[in-house]
């Protein structure tokens, strides 16, 4: 194996050992310009409600509102960190998809961004 391959494998194992979920690891390895966004299957309205419900189960205070064509979820963690999720509809062929974008209110927390979006990647409106 090359040195680069060994480094990537070792990094992956370290992240798994310290408790990162597999979706968080994928987010860290492939974080790019769209690192604050996820595209999920399902209609905007259904995904918005499912996302809010998932956040509440994660002990995040989440207030859902519709603003124009988008849904916004104002969130506060138990530690007092605040962020907003903006959900918009996106057509992909015949399938309905919803884009979830996370915006921080105040100080940005990249680690928490990955954790939150990793937990929301599998929210669907189906």
Protein backbone atom coordinates (compact mmCIF):
# COMPACT_ATOMS: atom_id res chain seq x y z
CA UNK A 1 0.00 0.00 0.00
CA UNK A 2 1.13 3.52 -0.64
CA UNK A 3 1.77 5.97 2.15
CA UNK A 4 -1.32 8.02 1.17
CA UNK A 5 -3.59 4.97 1.24
CA UNK A 6 -2.25 3.97 4.65
CA UNK A 7 -2.86 7.51 5.94
CA UNK A 8 -6.46 7.55 4.73
CA UNK A 9 -7.14 4.10 6.21
CA UNK A 10 -5.56 5.05 9.53
CA UNK A 11 -7.54 8.30 9.67
CA UNK A 12 -10.78 6.44 9.02
CA UNK A 13 -10.10 3.96 11.79
CA UNK A 14 -9.20 6.72 14.25
CA UNK A 15 -12.47 8.53 13.51
CA UNK A 16 -14.48 5.33 13.94
CA UNK A 17 -12.72 4.45 17.20
CA UNK A 18 -13.40 7.87 18.74
CA UNK A 19 -17.10 7.48 18.09
CA UNK A 20 -17.98 9.18 14.82
CA UNK A 21 -20.96 7.77 12.93
CA UNK A 22 -20.17 6.51 9.44
CA UNK A 23 -22.09 9.42 7.86
CA UNK A 24 -19.96 11.85 9.87
CA UNK A 25 -16.78 10.20 8.58
CA UNK A 26 -18.07 10.42 5.01
CA UNK A 27 -18.88 14.08 5.56
CA UNK A 28 -15.38 14.79 6.85
CA UNK A 29 -13.69 12.95 4.01
CA UNK A 30 -15.79 14.52 1.27
CA UNK A 31 -16.46 17.97 2.76
CA UNK A 32 -16.42 20.50 -0.03
CA UNK A 33 -18.20 23.67 -1.03
CA UNK A 34 -21.53 22.03 -0.20
CA UNK A 35 -20.39 20.87 3.25
CA UNK A 36 -23.25 22.77 4.88
CA UNK A 37 -25.90 21.08 2.71
CA UNK A 38 -27.49 17.70 2.14
CA UNK A 39 -29.93 16.57 -0.53
CA UNK A 40 -32.52 14.06 0.68
CA UNK A 41 -35.37 12.17 -0.98
CA UNK A 42 -38.92 13.34 -0.37
CA UNK A 43 -41.30 16.26 -0.66
CA UNK A 44 -40.44 19.57 0.96
CA UNK A 45 -43.35 19.58 3.43
CA UNK A 46 -42.84 16.00 4.60
CA UNK A 47 -39.05 16.30 4.91
CA UNK A 48 -39.43 19.59 6.82
CA UNK A 49 -41.68 17.96 9.42
CA UNK A 50 -39.55 14.80 9.64
CA UNK A 51 -36.41 16.95 10.07
CA UNK A 52 -37.99 18.95 12.87
CA UNK A 53 -39.11 15.74 14.58
CA UNK A 54 -35.60 14.21 14.30
CA UNK A 55 -34.03 17.35 15.80
CA UNK A 56 -36.43 17.27 18.76
CA UNK A 57 -35.46 13.63 19.38
CA UNK A 58 -31.82 14.80 19.44
CA UNK A 59 -32.70 17.32 22.21
CA UNK A 60 -32.49 20.31 19.87
CA UNK A 61 -35.13 22.97 20.27
CA UNK A 62 -36.58 23.33 16.75
CA UNK A 63 -39.19 25.82 15.53
CA UNK A 64 -40.53 25.19 12.02
CA UNK A 65 -41.90 28.02 9.86
CA UNK A 66 -42.66 28.54 6.18
CA UNK A 67 -41.03 31.54 4.52
CA UNK A 68 -41.97 31.97 0.89
CA UNK A 69 -41.19 28.76 -1.00
CA UNK A 70 -38.86 27.43 1.73
CA UNK A 71 -39.20 26.03 5.22
CA UNK A 72 -36.94 27.38 7.97
CA UNK A 73 -36.18 25.60 11.22
CA UNK A 74 -34.73 27.84 13.96
CA UNK A 75 -32.67 25.62 16.26
CA UNK A 76 -30.99 25.89 19.66
CA UNK A 77 -28.88 23.11 21.18
CA UNK A 78 -28.88 22.31 24.89
CA UNK A 79 -25.50 24.10 25.05
CA UNK A 80 -27.11 27.27 23.65
CA UNK A 81 -25.59 27.11 20.17
CA UNK A 82 -27.97 28.44 17.55
CA UNK A 83 -28.35 27.55 13.88
CA UNK A 84 -30.98 27.64 11.17
CA UNK A 85 -31.91 24.98 8.64
CA UNK A 86 -33.30 26.16 5.30
CA UNK A 87 -35.17 23.52 3.32
CA UNK A 88 -35.97 24.01 -0.36
CA UNK A 89 -37.57 21.82 -2.99
CA UNK A 90 -35.47 20.48 -5.82
CA UNK A 91 -36.65 18.42 -8.77
CA UNK A 92 -34.42 15.62 -9.99
CA UNK A 93 -36.13 13.98 -12.94
CA UNK A 94 -39.36 12.49 -11.64
CA UNK A 95 -38.17 12.32 -8.03
CA UNK A 96 -38.91 14.95 -5.41
CA UNK A 97 -35.86 15.97 -3.40
CA UNK A 98 -35.32 18.45 -0.60
CA UNK A 99 -32.12 20.41 -0.02
CA UNK A 100 -31.25 21.02 3.64
CA UNK A 101 -28.79 23.89 4.24
CA UNK A 102 -27.39 24.72 7.69
CA UNK A 103 -26.53 28.32 8.64
CA UNK A 104 -25.00 29.22 11.99
CA UNK A 105 -26.32 32.11 14.08
CA UNK A 106 -23.20 33.37 15.83
CA UNK A 107 -20.09 31.22 16.11
CA UNK A 108 -19.74 28.45 13.55
CA UNK A 109 -19.06 24.88 14.77
CA UNK A 110 -17.84 22.67 11.91
CA UNK A 111 -17.81 19.50 14.02
CA UNK A 112 -21.41 19.98 15.06
CA UNK A 113 -22.36 20.85 11.46
CA UNK A 114 -21.12 17.42 10.35
CA UNK A 115 -22.88 15.66 13.21
CA UNK A 116 -26.22 17.38 12.59
CA UNK A 117 -26.21 16.96 8.82
CA UNK A 118 -24.98 13.38 9.17
CA UNK A 119 -27.99 12.59 11.35
CA UNK A 120 -30.35 14.30 8.87
CA UNK A 121 -28.99 12.67 5.70
CA UNK A 122 -31.38 9.77 6.01
CA UNK A 123 -34.51 11.78 6.81
CA UNK A 124 -36.95 11.12 3.99
CA UNK A 125 -40.41 12.21 3.16
CA UNK A 126 -41.48 8.73 2.12
